[in-house]
Amino acid sequence: MKKMKIKKEYIILILIIIVLSVYLYKRSANRTLYELPEIPQVSEKDLTKLEITRGKTVLVLNKKDDQWFIAPAEFPTDANKVKDMLDVIKNFSLTALVSESKNYNLYELDEGQKINVKASQGDDLKLDIDVGKTASSFRHTFVKPSGDERVFHAQGNLKNTFDVTVDALRDKTVLALKPADIQQININKDQQSLAFTRTQVPVEVKAADAEKSTDPTPPAAPKLAWQAATGQPVNESTLNQLLNTLASLRCEKFIDGRKKEDFKSPLFTIELKGGQDDYLSIFAKAGENDPNYPAISSGSDYPFELSTSQVDRMMKEPSAFLQLPETDQKKSEPE
C-alpha cells in the first residue's frame, strides 16, 4: 500500500509538471506569436504636408518648392528639425506588441497626452500614428497606429522629435552672409557714424630684394584690407570678428504681434554692402531687466530678439573698430 501511494504521488506530480509546462508554453506563444501591423514605407521626398496635433493645438507644415513652411502665416521652418521629422517618418517601424488593455494613459497615449502625427502626399494620407511617451531605455517609443487599438513599441525616441511648438520650429536665422563678399560697412551708434571700405593694398617689395630676385614669377597680387573713411588705421581683427558674428546670425525668438515698421530710433545699426545690401538694427530693451534686445534685419520679415551676450559682441562704439595710436595702446595695457 505504501508503494502504491508513493507511485500515485509521482503520477500526480508528473501530471502537474506537464500541465504547468503546457500553460507556460502557451503563455509564451501568445506573447510572441502575433503579427505586427504592416506599415507602408513612406518616401520623404513625396510628402507635401505634415500635421502634428496635441490636444487642441494643431501644427501644420506645407512644402512649397522643396521648402517647408508653417501654416497659415507661412513662417520658414528650421530645415534640420523638419529633416529629423521626415527621417523618423521614412524609417518608422513597429518592433513589438506592448499592450492590448486599452489603458492608454499608462503610455501617454490618452487624448490629453498623445501627439498625433499625420504625413500626407497631397490628399493621400501616408502615415497616421499616435505618439506616446518614450520607453525607459530611450531606444523605443510607445505608439498606436491609426485604426488599431493596441499599443506597440516603435524604434527611436519619437516624442522628442514631434513634441514641438511653432516658435521652436521656426527658422531663427535672421542674417546670412559671406564675410568675403562684404565691400563696405557703415556703423552708427549714439549719433556717431563710421564707414569702412575694403580696398586693394599693393604688396610692398623692398628695392634690395627686387634687385636680388631672379625669379620670373610675376609680383604678388594686391591684398585686400579695410580702410576707414576718416583715413585712420583700422582694427581689422575687431572688424572681422563683427563680420563673423553676422555671417550666420540667429535670434532667440521672434516678436509676435508687431511689425518691423513699429520699431524706431535704433541704438545701433550696421549697414553692409557687397553682393547684396544687408542691415541689422538693435533697439532699447522694453524693460530694464529684460534679457533680450529687440532688433530687425534685412534677413527677416519679422522683428525678433537678440540675447544680451549677442548684442555685447556687436554693439561697440565706432571708435572700437579703429587702431589705437601707439601711445594710447600703451595706456590701455594693464600695468
C-alpha atoms as a PDB file:
ATOM      1  CA  MET A   1       0.000   0.000   0.000  1.00  0.00           C
ATOM      2  CA  LYS A   2       2.812   2.334   0.800  1.00  0.00           C
ATOM      3  CA  LYS A   3       4.440   1.755  -2.598  1.00  0.00           C
ATOM      4  CA  MET A   4       1.121   2.344  -4.332  1.00  0.00           C
ATOM      5  CA  LYS A   5       0.702   5.617  -2.505  1.00  0.00           C
ATOM      6  CA  ILE A   6       4.182   6.806  -3.496  1.00  0.00           C
ATOM      7  CA  LYS A   7       3.579   5.759  -7.088  1.00  0.00           C
ATOM      8  CA  LYS A   8       0.301   7.678  -7.127  1.00  0.00           C
ATOM      9  CA  GLU A   9       2.008  10.812  -5.789  1.00  0.00           C
ATOM     10  CA  TYR A  10       4.652  10.569  -8.529  1.00  0.00           C
ATOM     11  CA  ILE A  11       1.955  10.314 -11.181  1.00  0.00           C
ATOM     12  CA  ILE A  12       0.158  13.377  -9.787  1.00  0.00           C
ATOM     13  CA  LEU A  13       3.448  15.314  -9.657  1.00  0.00           C
ATOM     14  CA  ILE A  14       4.245  14.402 -13.262  1.00  0.00           C
ATOM     15  CA  LEU A  15       0.766  15.493 -14.359  1.00  0.00           C
ATOM     16  CA  ILE A  16       1.183  18.820 -12.565  1.00  0.00           C
ATOM     17  CA  ILE A  17       4.533  19.371 -14.278  1.00  0.00           C
ATOM     18  CA  ILE A  18       3.007  18.586 -17.683  1.00  0.00           C
ATOM     19  CA  VAL A  19       0.081  20.953 -17.101  1.00  0.00           C
ATOM     20  CA  LEU A  20       2.398  23.770 -15.961  1.00  0.00           C
ATOM     21  CA  SER A  21       4.695  23.215 -18.932  1.00  0.00           C
ATOM     22  CA  VAL A  22       1.771  23.381 -21.359  1.00  0.00           C
ATOM     23  CA  TYR A  23       0.481  26.546 -19.655  1.00  0.00           C
ATOM     24  CA  LEU A  24       3.871  28.253 -19.745  1.00  0.00           C
ATOM     25  CA  TYR A  25       4.389  27.271 -23.371  1.00  0.00           C
ATOM     26  CA  LYS A  26       1.022  28.670 -24.438  1.00  0.00           C
ATOM     27  CA  ARG A  27       1.600  31.842 -22.447  1.00  0.00           C
ATOM     28  CA  SER A  28       4.981  32.326 -24.128  1.00  0.00           C
ATOM     29  CA  ALA A  29       3.497  31.544 -27.513  1.00  0.00           C
ATOM     30  CA  ASN A  30       0.704  34.064 -27.002  1.00  0.00           C
ATOM     31  CA  ARG A  31       3.310  36.709 -26.292  1.00  0.00           C
ATOM     32  CA  THR A  32       5.444  36.117 -29.340  1.00  0.00           C
ATOM     33  CA  LEU A  33       3.209  34.570 -31.988  1.00  0.00           C
ATOM     34  CA  TYR A  34       1.425  37.658 -33.273  1.00  0.00           C
ATOM     35  CA  GLU A  35       1.666  39.654 -36.438  1.00  0.00           C
ATOM     36  CA  LEU A  36       2.789  43.261 -36.342  1.00  0.00           C
ATOM     37  CA  PRO A  37       0.693  45.605 -38.486  1.00  0.00           C
ATOM     38  CA  GLU A  38       2.232  46.334 -41.859  1.00  0.00           C
ATOM     39  CA  ILE A  39       3.318  49.961 -42.071  1.00  0.00           C
ATOM     40  CA  PRO A  40       3.735  51.122 -45.686  1.00  0.00           C
ATOM     41  CA  GLN A  41       7.134  52.647 -46.383  1.00  0.00           C
ATOM     42  CA  VAL A  42       6.966  56.394 -46.910  1.00  0.00           C
ATOM     43  CA  SER A  43       9.329  58.391 -49.113  1.00  0.00           C
ATOM     44  CA  GLU A  44      10.041  61.735 -47.506  1.00  0.00           C
ATOM     45  CA  LYS A  45      10.599  63.271 -50.945  1.00  0.00           C
ATOM     46  CA  ASP A  46       6.952  62.636 -51.855  1.00  0.00           C
ATOM     47  CA  LEU A  47       5.468  64.213 -48.721  1.00  0.00           C
ATOM     48  CA  THR A  48       3.873  67.636 -49.037  1.00  0.00           C
ATOM     49  CA  LYS A  49       2.105  68.057 -45.688  1.00  0.00           C
ATOM     50  CA  LEU A  50       2.735  67.263 -42.013  1.00  0.00           C
ATOM     51  CA  GLU A  51       0.089  67.698 -39.345  1.00  0.00           C
ATOM     52  CA  ILE A  52       1.031  67.449 -35.667  1.00  0.00           C
ATOM     53  CA  THR A  53      -1.799  67.583 -33.123  1.00  0.00           C
ATOM     54  CA  ARG A  54      -1.593  67.696 -29.341  1.00  0.00           C
ATOM     55  CA  GLY A  55      -4.863  68.366 -27.528  1.00  0.00           C
ATOM     56  CA  LYS A  56      -6.438  71.361 -29.225  1.00  0.00           C
ATOM     57  CA  THR A  57      -3.176  72.571 -30.744  1.00  0.00           C
ATOM     58  CA  VAL A  58      -2.668  71.714 -34.408  1.00  0.00           C
ATOM     59  CA  LEU A  59       0.622  72.471 -36.167  1.00  0.00           C
ATOM     60  CA  VAL A  60       0.518  72.220 -39.970  1.00  0.00           C
ATOM     61  CA  LEU A  61       3.577  72.241 -42.235  1.00  0.00           C
ATOM     62  CA  ASN A  62       3.313  72.551 -46.016  1.00  0.00           C
ATOM     63  CA  LYS A  63       6.041  72.008 -48.587  1.00  0.00           C
ATOM     64  CA  LYS A  64       6.463  74.517 -51.401  1.00  0.00           C
ATOM     65  CA  ASP A  65       9.359  74.463 -53.865  1.00  0.00           C
ATOM     66  CA  ASP A  66      11.233  71.925 -51.710  1.00  0.00           C
ATOM     67  CA  GLN A  67      10.966  74.127 -48.607  1.00  0.00           C
ATOM     68  CA  TRP A  68       8.690  73.647 -45.604  1.00  0.00           C
ATOM     69  CA  PHE A  69       6.557  76.438 -44.131  1.00  0.00           C
ATOM     70  CA  ILE A  70       4.355  76.704 -41.038  1.00  0.00           C
ATOM     71  CA  ALA A  71       0.720  77.431 -41.903  1.00  0.00           C
ATOM     72  CA  PRO A  72      -1.155  79.708 -42.010  1.00  0.00           C
ATOM     73  CA  ALA A  73       1.447  82.504 -41.681  1.00  0.00           C
ATOM     74  CA  GLU A  74       3.939  80.695 -43.958  1.00  0.00           C
ATOM     75  CA  PHE A  75       6.805  81.019 -41.481  1.00  0.00           C
ATOM     76  CA  PRO A  76      10.017  79.398 -42.809  1.00  0.00           C
ATOM     77  CA  THR A  77      10.995  76.321 -40.793  1.00  0.00           C
ATOM     78  CA  ASP A  78      14.241  75.126 -39.275  1.00  0.00           C
ATOM     79  CA  ALA A  79      15.404  72.748 -42.009  1.00  0.00           C
ATOM     80  CA  ASN A  80      17.287  70.455 -39.611  1.00  0.00           C
ATOM     81  CA  LYS A  81      14.276  69.929 -37.346  1.00  0.00           C
ATOM     82  CA  VAL A  82      11.978  69.161 -40.272  1.00  0.00           C
ATOM     83  CA  LYS A  83      14.580  66.744 -41.643  1.00  0.00           C
ATOM     84  CA  ASP A  84      14.559  64.908 -38.287  1.00  0.00           C
ATOM     85  CA  MET A  85      10.782  64.515 -38.592  1.00  0.00           C
ATOM     86  CA  LEU A  86      10.987  63.269 -42.174  1.00  0.00           C
ATOM     87  CA  ASP A  87      13.718  60.777 -41.249  1.00  0.00           C
ATOM     88  CA  VAL A  88      11.525  59.369 -38.464  1.00  0.00           C
ATOM     89  CA  ILE A  89       8.586  59.002 -40.850  1.00  0.00           C
ATOM     90  CA  LYS A  90      10.737  57.395 -43.531  1.00  0.00           C
ATOM     91  CA  ASN A  91      12.247  54.857 -41.098  1.00  0.00           C
ATOM     92  CA  PHE A  92       9.134  54.305 -38.970  1.00  0.00           C
ATOM     93  CA  SER A  93       8.663  50.676 -37.935  1.00  0.00           C
ATOM     94  CA  LEU A  94       6.988  48.724 -35.132  1.00  0.00           C
ATOM     95  CA  THR A  95       9.200  46.363 -33.163  1.00  0.00           C
ATOM     96  CA  ALA A  96       6.933  44.692 -30.578  1.00  0.00           C
ATOM     97  CA  LEU A  97       3.418  44.483 -29.195  1.00  0.00           C
ATOM     98  CA  VAL A  98       3.243  46.078 -25.746  1.00  0.00           C
ATOM     99  CA  SER A  99      -0.394  46.066 -24.638  1.00  0.00           C
ATOM    100  CA  GLU A 100      -3.931  45.176 -25.675  1.00  0.00           C
ATOM    101  CA  SER A 101      -5.539  46.502 -22.478  1.00  0.00           C
ATOM    102  CA  LYS A 102      -6.576  49.914 -23.895  1.00  0.00           C
ATOM    103  CA  ASN A 103      -5.169  51.521 -20.754  1.00  0.00           C
ATOM    104  CA  TYR A 104      -3.651  54.312 -22.837  1.00  0.00           C
ATOM    105  CA  ASN A 105      -2.826  56.765 -20.060  1.00  0.00           C
ATOM    106  CA  LEU A 106      -0.046  54.410 -18.877  1.00  0.00           C
ATOM    107  CA  TYR A 107       1.748  55.105 -22.141  1.00  0.00           C
ATOM    108  CA  GLU A 108       0.717  58.786 -22.503  1.00  0.00           C
ATOM    109  CA  LEU A 109      -1.459  57.790 -25.440  1.00  0.00           C
ATOM    110  CA  ASP A 110      -4.720  59.112 -23.981  1.00  0.00           C
ATOM    111  CA  GLU A 111      -6.458  62.134 -25.516  1.00  0.00           C
ATOM    112  CA  GLY A 112      -4.798  64.653 -23.216  1.00  0.00           C
ATOM    113  CA  GLN A 113      -1.222  63.475 -23.717  1.00  0.00           C
ATOM    114  CA  LYS A 114      -0.789  61.794 -27.088  1.00  0.00           C
ATOM    115  CA  ILE A 115       0.780  63.512 -30.106  1.00  0.00           C
ATOM    116  CA  ASN A 116      -0.952  62.623 -33.351  1.00  0.00           C
ATOM    117  CA  VAL A 117       1.243  62.715 -36.445  1.00  0.00           C
ATOM    118  CA  LYS A 118      -0.165  62.667 -39.982  1.00  0.00           C
ATOM    119  CA  ALA A 119       2.015  62.701 -43.087  1.00  0.00           C
ATOM    120  CA  SER A 120       0.416  63.228 -46.496  1.00  0.00           C
ATOM    121  CA  GLN A 121       1.216  63.445 -50.168  1.00  0.00           C
ATOM    122  CA  GLY A 122      -1.366  65.879 -51.425  1.00  0.00           C
ATOM    123  CA  ASP A 123      -4.722  64.481 -50.253  1.00  0.00           C
ATOM    124  CA  ASP A 124      -3.276  60.976 -49.852  1.00  0.00           C
ATOM    125  CA  LEU A 125      -2.667  60.161 -46.166  1.00  0.00           C
ATOM    126  CA  LYS A 126       0.546  58.117 -45.950  1.00  0.00           C
ATOM    127  CA  LEU A 127       1.026  57.744 -42.182  1.00  0.00           C
ATOM    128  CA  ASP A 128      -1.239  58.320 -39.167  1.00  0.00           C
ATOM    129  CA  ILE A 129       0.112  57.445 -35.721  1.00  0.00           C
ATOM    130  CA  ASP A 130      -0.338  58.453 -32.087  1.00  0.00           C
ATOM    131  CA  VAL A 131       2.963  59.029 -30.283  1.00  0.00           C
ATOM    132  CA  GLY A 132       3.175  58.434 -26.539  1.00  0.00           C
ATOM    133  CA  LYS A 133       5.978  58.504 -24.011  1.00  0.00           C
ATOM    134  CA  THR A 134       9.486  57.236 -24.532  1.00  0.00           C
ATOM    135  CA  ALA A 135      10.357  53.823 -23.082  1.00  0.00           C
ATOM    136  CA  SER A 136      12.735  53.698 -20.117  1.00  0.00           C
ATOM    137  CA  SER A 137      15.560  52.587 -22.405  1.00  0.00           C
ATOM    138  CA  PHE A 138      15.056  55.744 -24.534  1.00  0.00           C
ATOM    139  CA  ARG A 139      15.501  53.469 -27.567  1.00  0.00           C
ATOM    140  CA  HIS A 140      11.798  52.998 -28.197  1.00  0.00           C
ATOM    141  CA  THR A 141       8.573  54.986 -28.050  1.00  0.00           C
ATOM    142  CA  PHE A 142       5.052  53.779 -27.246  1.00  0.00           C
ATOM    143  CA  VAL A 143       2.832  54.307 -30.289  1.00  0.00           C
ATOM    144  CA  LYS A 144      -0.625  53.427 -31.557  1.00  0.00           C
ATOM    145  CA  PRO A 145      -1.221  53.268 -35.315  1.00  0.00           C
ATOM    146  CA  SER A 146      -4.499  54.689 -36.611  1.00  0.00           C
ATOM    147  CA  GLY A 147      -7.271  52.078 -36.703  1.00  0.00           C
ATOM    148  CA  ASP A 148      -5.510  49.770 -34.236  1.00  0.00           C
ATOM    149  CA  GLU A 149      -6.413  49.664 -30.534  1.00  0.00           C
ATOM    150  CA  ARG A 150      -3.157  48.012 -29.488  1.00  0.00           C
ATOM    151  CA  VAL A 151      -0.005  49.718 -28.172  1.00  0.00           C
ATOM    152  CA  PHE A 152       3.351  48.951 -29.791  1.00  0.00           C
ATOM    153  CA  HIS A 153       7.000  49.819 -29.475  1.00  0.00           C
ATOM    154  CA  ALA A 154       8.440  51.910 -32.319  1.00  0.00           C
ATOM    155  CA  GLN A 155      12.155  52.261 -32.898  1.00  0.00           C
ATOM    156  CA  GLY A 156      13.724  55.521 -31.645  1.00  0.00           C
ATOM    157  CA  ASN A 157      12.771  58.493 -29.467  1.00  0.00           C
ATOM    158  CA  LEU A 158       9.841  59.887 -31.448  1.00  0.00           C
ATOM    159  CA  LYS A 159       8.485  62.114 -28.701  1.00  0.00           C
ATOM    160  CA  ASN A 160      11.473  64.451 -28.702  1.00  0.00           C
ATOM    161  CA  THR A 161      11.143  64.838 -32.462  1.00  0.00           C
ATOM    162  CA  PHE A 162       7.440  65.674 -32.624  1.00  0.00           C
ATOM    163  CA  ASP A 163       6.913  67.476 -29.313  1.00  0.00           C
ATOM    164  CA  VAL A 164       7.472  70.931 -30.848  1.00  0.00           C
ATOM    165  CA  THR A 165       5.909  74.396 -30.893  1.00  0.00           C
ATOM    166  CA  VAL A 166       5.629  76.945 -33.695  1.00  0.00           C
ATOM    167  CA  ASP A 167       8.387  79.066 -32.133  1.00  0.00           C
ATOM    168  CA  ALA A 168      10.731  76.093 -31.733  1.00  0.00           C
ATOM    169  CA  LEU A 169      10.178  75.011 -35.329  1.00  0.00           C
ATOM    170  CA  ARG A 170      10.708  78.404 -36.973  1.00  0.00           C
ATOM    171  CA  ASP A 171      13.948  79.162 -38.756  1.00  0.00           C
ATOM    172  CA  LYS A 172      15.694  81.611 -36.425  1.00  0.00           C
ATOM    173  CA  THR A 173      18.357  82.683 -38.911  1.00  0.00           C
ATOM    174  CA  VAL A 174      17.891  86.451 -39.244  1.00  0.00           C
ATOM    175  CA  LEU A 175      21.020  87.313 -41.200  1.00  0.00           C
ATOM    176  CA  ALA A 176      23.148  85.172 -43.519  1.00  0.00           C
ATOM    177  CA  LEU A 177      26.100  86.498 -45.483  1.00  0.00           C
ATOM    178  CA  LYS A 178      29.617  85.699 -46.646  1.00  0.00           C
ATOM    179  CA  PRO A 179      32.166  87.990 -44.966  1.00  0.00           C
ATOM    180  CA  ALA A 180      34.421  87.812 -48.029  1.00  0.00           C
ATOM    181  CA  ASP A 181      31.672  89.378 -50.159  1.00  0.00           C
ATOM    182  CA  ILE A 182      31.290  92.478 -47.983  1.00  0.00           C
ATOM    183  CA  GLN A 183      32.938  95.545 -49.501  1.00  0.00           C
ATOM    184  CA  GLN A 184      31.579  98.317 -47.300  1.00  0.00           C
ATOM    185  CA  ILE A 185      30.429  98.620 -43.668  1.00  0.00           C
ATOM    186  CA  ASN A 186      28.630 101.571 -42.103  1.00  0.00           C
ATOM    187  CA  ILE A 187      28.320 101.596 -38.300  1.00  0.00           C
ATOM    188  CA  ASN A 188      26.022 104.002 -36.451  1.00  0.00           C
ATOM    189  CA  LYS A 189      25.777 104.240 -32.653  1.00  0.00           C
ATOM    190  CA  ASP A 190      24.600 107.111 -30.463  1.00  0.00           C
ATOM    191  CA  GLN A 191      24.639 109.520 -33.424  1.00  0.00           C
ATOM    192  CA  GLN A 192      28.232 108.551 -34.174  1.00  0.00           C
ATOM    193  CA  SER A 193      28.964 107.101 -37.593  1.00  0.00           C
ATOM    194  CA  LEU A 194      31.938 105.489 -39.240  1.00  0.00           C
ATOM    195  CA  ALA A 195      32.319 103.877 -42.662  1.00  0.00           C
ATOM    196  CA  PHE A 196      34.804 101.218 -43.716  1.00  0.00           C
ATOM    197  CA  THR A 197      35.700 100.137 -47.236  1.00  0.00           C
ATOM    198  CA  ARG A 198      37.583  97.054 -48.344  1.00  0.00           C
ATOM    199  CA  THR A 199      40.267  98.141 -50.808  1.00  0.00           C
ATOM    200  CA  GLN A 200      43.234  96.612 -52.563  1.00  0.00           C
ATOM    201  CA  VAL A 201      46.554  97.414 -50.969  1.00  0.00           C
ATOM    202  CA  PRO A 202      49.707  96.835 -53.072  1.00  0.00           C
ATOM    203  CA  VAL A 203      52.248  94.427 -51.595  1.00  0.00           C
ATOM    204  CA  GLU A 204      55.425  96.318 -50.754  1.00  0.00           C
ATOM    205  CA  VAL A 205      58.640  94.937 -52.245  1.00  0.00           C
ATOM    206  CA  LYS A 206      61.938  96.287 -50.922  1.00  0.00           C
ATOM    207  CA  ALA A 207      64.271  97.628 -53.577  1.00  0.00           C
ATOM    208  CA  ALA A 208      67.173  95.443 -52.381  1.00  0.00           C
ATOM    209  CA  ASP A 209      65.030  92.330 -52.575  1.00  0.00           C
ATOM    210  CA  ALA A 210      63.825  93.289 -56.063  1.00  0.00           C
ATOM    211  CA  GLU A 211      67.429  93.641 -57.330  1.00  0.00           C
ATOM    212  CA  LYS A 212      68.478  90.260 -55.896  1.00  0.00           C
ATOM    213  CA  SER A 213      65.443  88.406 -57.183  1.00  0.00           C
ATOM    214  CA  THR A 214      65.902  86.433 -60.409  1.00  0.00           C
ATOM    215  CA  ASP A 215      62.571  84.633 -60.124  1.00  0.00           C
ATOM    216  CA  PRO A 216      60.482  85.279 -63.241  1.00  0.00           C
ATOM    217  CA  THR A 217      57.276  84.755 -61.218  1.00  0.00           C
ATOM    218  CA  PRO A 218      55.011  87.829 -61.504  1.00  0.00           C
ATOM    219  CA  PRO A 219      54.693  90.034 -58.423  1.00  0.00           C
ATOM    220  CA  ALA A 220      52.154  89.107 -55.760  1.00  0.00           C
ATOM    221  CA  ALA A 221      48.630  90.362 -56.284  1.00  0.00           C
ATOM    222  CA  PRO A 222      47.471  93.263 -54.133  1.00  0.00           C
ATOM    223  CA  LYS A 223      45.887  92.175 -50.843  1.00  0.00           C
ATOM    224  CA  LEU A 224      42.510  93.332 -49.544  1.00  0.00           C
ATOM    225  CA  ALA A 225      42.398  95.475 -46.424  1.00  0.00           C
ATOM    226  CA  TRP A 226      39.850  97.599 -44.591  1.00  0.00           C
ATOM    227  CA  GLN A 227      40.219 101.345 -44.602  1.00  0.00           C
ATOM    228  CA  ALA A 228      38.240 103.878 -42.608  1.00  0.00           C
ATOM    229  CA  ALA A 229      36.626 106.806 -44.388  1.00  0.00           C
ATOM    230  CA  THR A 230      38.443 109.077 -41.942  1.00  0.00           C
ATOM    231  CA  GLY A 231      41.796 107.695 -43.067  1.00  0.00           C
ATOM    232  CA  GLN A 232      42.587 106.352 -39.599  1.00  0.00           C
ATOM    233  CA  PRO A 233      44.175 102.891 -39.213  1.00  0.00           C
ATOM    234  CA  VAL A 234      41.611 100.105 -38.811  1.00  0.00           C
ATOM    235  CA  ASN A 235      41.483  97.397 -36.144  1.00  0.00           C
ATOM    236  CA  GLU A 236      40.892  94.659 -38.702  1.00  0.00           C
ATOM    237  CA  SER A 237      40.674  91.901 -36.107  1.00  0.00           C
ATOM    238  CA  THR A 238      37.715  93.545 -34.350  1.00  0.00           C
ATOM    239  CA  LEU A 239      36.016  94.357 -37.643  1.00  0.00           C
ATOM    240  CA  ASN A 240      36.404  90.791 -38.932  1.00  0.00           C
ATOM    241  CA  GLN A 241      35.054  89.416 -35.654  1.00  0.00           C
ATOM    242  CA  LEU A 242      31.941  91.527 -36.197  1.00  0.00           C
ATOM    243  CA  LEU A 243      31.507  90.139 -39.714  1.00  0.00           C
ATOM    244  CA  ASN A 244      31.923  86.566 -38.491  1.00  0.00           C
ATOM    245  CA  THR A 245      29.240  87.141 -35.856  1.00  0.00           C
ATOM    246  CA  LEU A 246      26.866  88.491 -38.514  1.00  0.00           C
ATOM    247  CA  ALA A 247      27.646  85.724 -41.025  1.00  0.00           C
ATOM    248  CA  SER A 248      25.009  83.381 -39.618  1.00  0.00           C
ATOM    249  CA  LEU A 249      23.094  85.336 -37.001  1.00  0.00           C
ATOM    250  CA  ARG A 250      20.263  83.526 -35.205  1.00  0.00           C
ATOM    251  CA  CYS A 251      17.757  85.184 -32.902  1.00  0.00           C
ATOM    252  CA  GLU A 252      16.489  83.998 -29.529  1.00  0.00           C
ATOM    253  CA  LYS A 253      12.849  84.297 -30.593  1.00  0.00           C
ATOM    254  CA  PHE A 254      10.513  86.333 -32.787  1.00  0.00           C
ATOM    255  CA  ILE A 255       8.308  89.176 -31.575  1.00  0.00           C
ATOM    256  CA  ASP A 256       4.689  88.344 -32.308  1.00  0.00           C
ATOM    257  CA  GLY A 257       2.039  90.974 -32.939  1.00  0.00           C
ATOM    258  CA  ARG A 258       4.429  93.698 -34.106  1.00  0.00           C
ATOM    259  CA  LYS A 259       5.854  94.745 -37.463  1.00  0.00           C
ATOM    260  CA  LYS A 260       9.334  95.897 -38.373  1.00  0.00           C
ATOM    261  CA  GLU A 261       7.921  99.360 -39.091  1.00  0.00           C
ATOM    262  CA  ASP A 262       6.848  99.652 -35.442  1.00  0.00           C
ATOM    263  CA  PHE A 263      10.468  99.997 -34.297  1.00  0.00           C
ATOM    264  CA  LYS A 264      12.052 103.446 -34.451  1.00  0.00           C
ATOM    265  CA  SER A 265      15.287 105.113 -33.284  1.00  0.00           C
ATOM    266  CA  PRO A 266      17.735 102.186 -33.044  1.00  0.00           C
ATOM    267  CA  LEU A 267      20.572 102.198 -30.558  1.00  0.00           C
ATOM    268  CA  PHE A 268      22.895 100.603 -33.088  1.00  0.00           C
ATOM    269  CA  THR A 269      22.758  99.984 -36.834  1.00  0.00           C
ATOM    270  CA  ILE A 270      25.116  98.123 -39.152  1.00  0.00           C
ATOM    271  CA  GLU A 271      24.774  98.514 -42.921  1.00  0.00           C
ATOM    272  CA  LEU A 272      26.621  96.086 -45.180  1.00  0.00           C
ATOM    273  CA  LYS A 273      27.197  96.379 -48.908  1.00  0.00           C
ATOM    274  CA  GLY A 274      28.523  93.606 -51.108  1.00  0.00           C
ATOM    275  CA  GLY A 275      26.790  91.095 -53.331  1.00  0.00           C
ATOM    276  CA  GLN A 276      23.609  92.467 -51.777  1.00  0.00           C
ATOM    277  CA  ASP A 277      22.727  95.158 -49.269  1.00  0.00           C
ATOM    278  CA  ASP A 278      22.078  93.998 -45.686  1.00  0.00           C
ATOM    279  CA  TYR A 279      21.425  95.695 -42.383  1.00  0.00           C
ATOM    280  CA  LEU A 280      20.873  94.999 -38.686  1.00  0.00           C
ATOM    281  CA  SER A 281      19.260  97.466 -36.253  1.00  0.00           C
ATOM    282  CA  ILE A 282      19.181  96.941 -32.488  1.00  0.00           C
ATOM    283  CA  PHE A 283      16.756  98.814 -30.208  1.00  0.00           C
ATOM    284  CA  ALA A 284      16.486  99.600 -26.495  1.00  0.00           C
ATOM    285  CA  LYS A 285      15.129  96.881 -24.215  1.00  0.00           C
ATOM    286  CA  ALA A 286      11.436  97.094 -23.402  1.00  0.00           C
ATOM    287  CA  GLY A 287      12.283  96.819 -19.702  1.00  0.00           C
ATOM    288  CA  GLU A 288      15.474  97.331 -17.749  1.00  0.00           C
ATOM    289  CA  ASN A 289      15.544  93.702 -16.584  1.00  0.00           C
ATOM    290  CA  ASP A 290      14.661  92.154 -19.943  1.00  0.00           C
ATOM    291  CA  PRO A 291      17.288  89.624 -21.052  1.00  0.00           C
ATOM    292  CA  ASN A 292      16.964  90.409 -24.757  1.00  0.00           C
ATOM    293  CA  TYR A 293      17.120  93.349 -27.152  1.00  0.00           C
ATOM    294  CA  PRO A 294      14.508  93.899 -29.906  1.00  0.00           C
ATOM    295  CA  ALA A 295      16.008  94.008 -33.395  1.00  0.00           C
ATOM    296  CA  ILE A 296      15.187  93.952 -37.095  1.00  0.00           C
ATOM    297  CA  SER A 297      17.275  92.930 -40.106  1.00  0.00           C
ATOM    298  CA  SER A 298      17.226  92.596 -43.868  1.00  0.00           C
ATOM    299  CA  GLY A 299      17.266  88.815 -43.452  1.00  0.00           C
ATOM    300  CA  SER A 300      13.936  88.533 -41.622  1.00  0.00           C
ATOM    301  CA  ASP A 301      10.438  89.737 -42.424  1.00  0.00           C
ATOM    302  CA  TYR A 302       9.648  89.826 -38.706  1.00  0.00           C
ATOM    303  CA  PRO A 303      11.072  91.656 -35.670  1.00  0.00           C
ATOM    304  CA  PHE A 304      12.985  89.454 -33.250  1.00  0.00           C
ATOM    305  CA  GLU A 305      15.028  89.409 -30.048  1.00  0.00           C
ATOM    306  CA  LEU A 306      18.782  89.014 -29.596  1.00  0.00           C
ATOM    307  CA  SER A 307      20.356  87.971 -26.309  1.00  0.00           C
ATOM    308  CA  THR A 308      22.422  90.441 -24.295  1.00  0.00           C
ATOM    309  CA  SER A 309      25.578  88.379 -24.923  1.00  0.00           C
ATOM    310  CA  GLN A 310      24.999  88.542 -28.685  1.00  0.00           C
ATOM    311  CA  VAL A 311      24.484  92.285 -28.596  1.00  0.00           C
ATOM    312  CA  ASP A 312      27.551  92.838 -26.404  1.00  0.00           C
ATOM    313  CA  ARG A 313      29.689  91.209 -29.095  1.00  0.00           C
ATOM    314  CA  MET A 314      28.377  93.582 -31.763  1.00  0.00           C
ATOM    315  CA  MET A 315      27.213  96.882 -30.286  1.00  0.00           C
ATOM    316  CA  LYS A 316      30.549  98.614 -29.813  1.00  0.00           C
ATOM    317  CA  GLU A 317      31.493 102.257 -30.198  1.00  0.00           C
ATOM    318  CA  PRO A 318      32.533 103.015 -33.794  1.00  0.00           C
ATOM    319  CA  SER A 319      35.969 104.011 -32.485  1.00  0.00           C
ATOM    320  CA  ALA A 320      36.458 100.448 -31.196  1.00  0.00           C
ATOM    321  CA  PHE A 321      36.985  99.386 -34.813  1.00  0.00           C
ATOM    322  CA  LEU A 322      39.896 101.796 -35.222  1.00  0.00           C
ATOM    323  CA  GLN A 323      43.514 101.056 -34.390  1.00  0.00           C
ATOM    324  CA  LEU A 324      44.568 102.971 -31.293  1.00  0.00           C
ATOM    325  CA  PRO A 325      47.652 105.187 -31.612  1.00  0.00           C
ATOM    326  CA  GLU A 326      50.722 103.590 -30.094  1.00  0.00           C
ATOM    327  CA  THR A 327      50.662 105.909 -27.063  1.00  0.00           C
ATOM    328  CA  ASP A 328      47.010 105.085 -26.359  1.00  0.00           C
ATOM    329  CA  GLN A 329      47.713 101.370 -26.729  1.00  0.00           C
ATOM    330  CA  LYS A 330      50.367 101.573 -24.027  1.00  0.00           C
ATOM    331  CA  LYS A 331      47.933 103.420 -21.738  1.00  0.00           C
ATOM    332  CA  SER A 332      45.262 100.743 -22.270  1.00  0.00           C
ATOM    333  CA  GLU A 333      47.656  97.873 -21.460  1.00  0.00           C
ATOM    334  CA  PRO A 334      47.490  96.646 -17.844  1.00  0.00           C
ATOM    335  CA  GLU A 335      50.493  97.585 -15.756  1.00  0.00           C
END
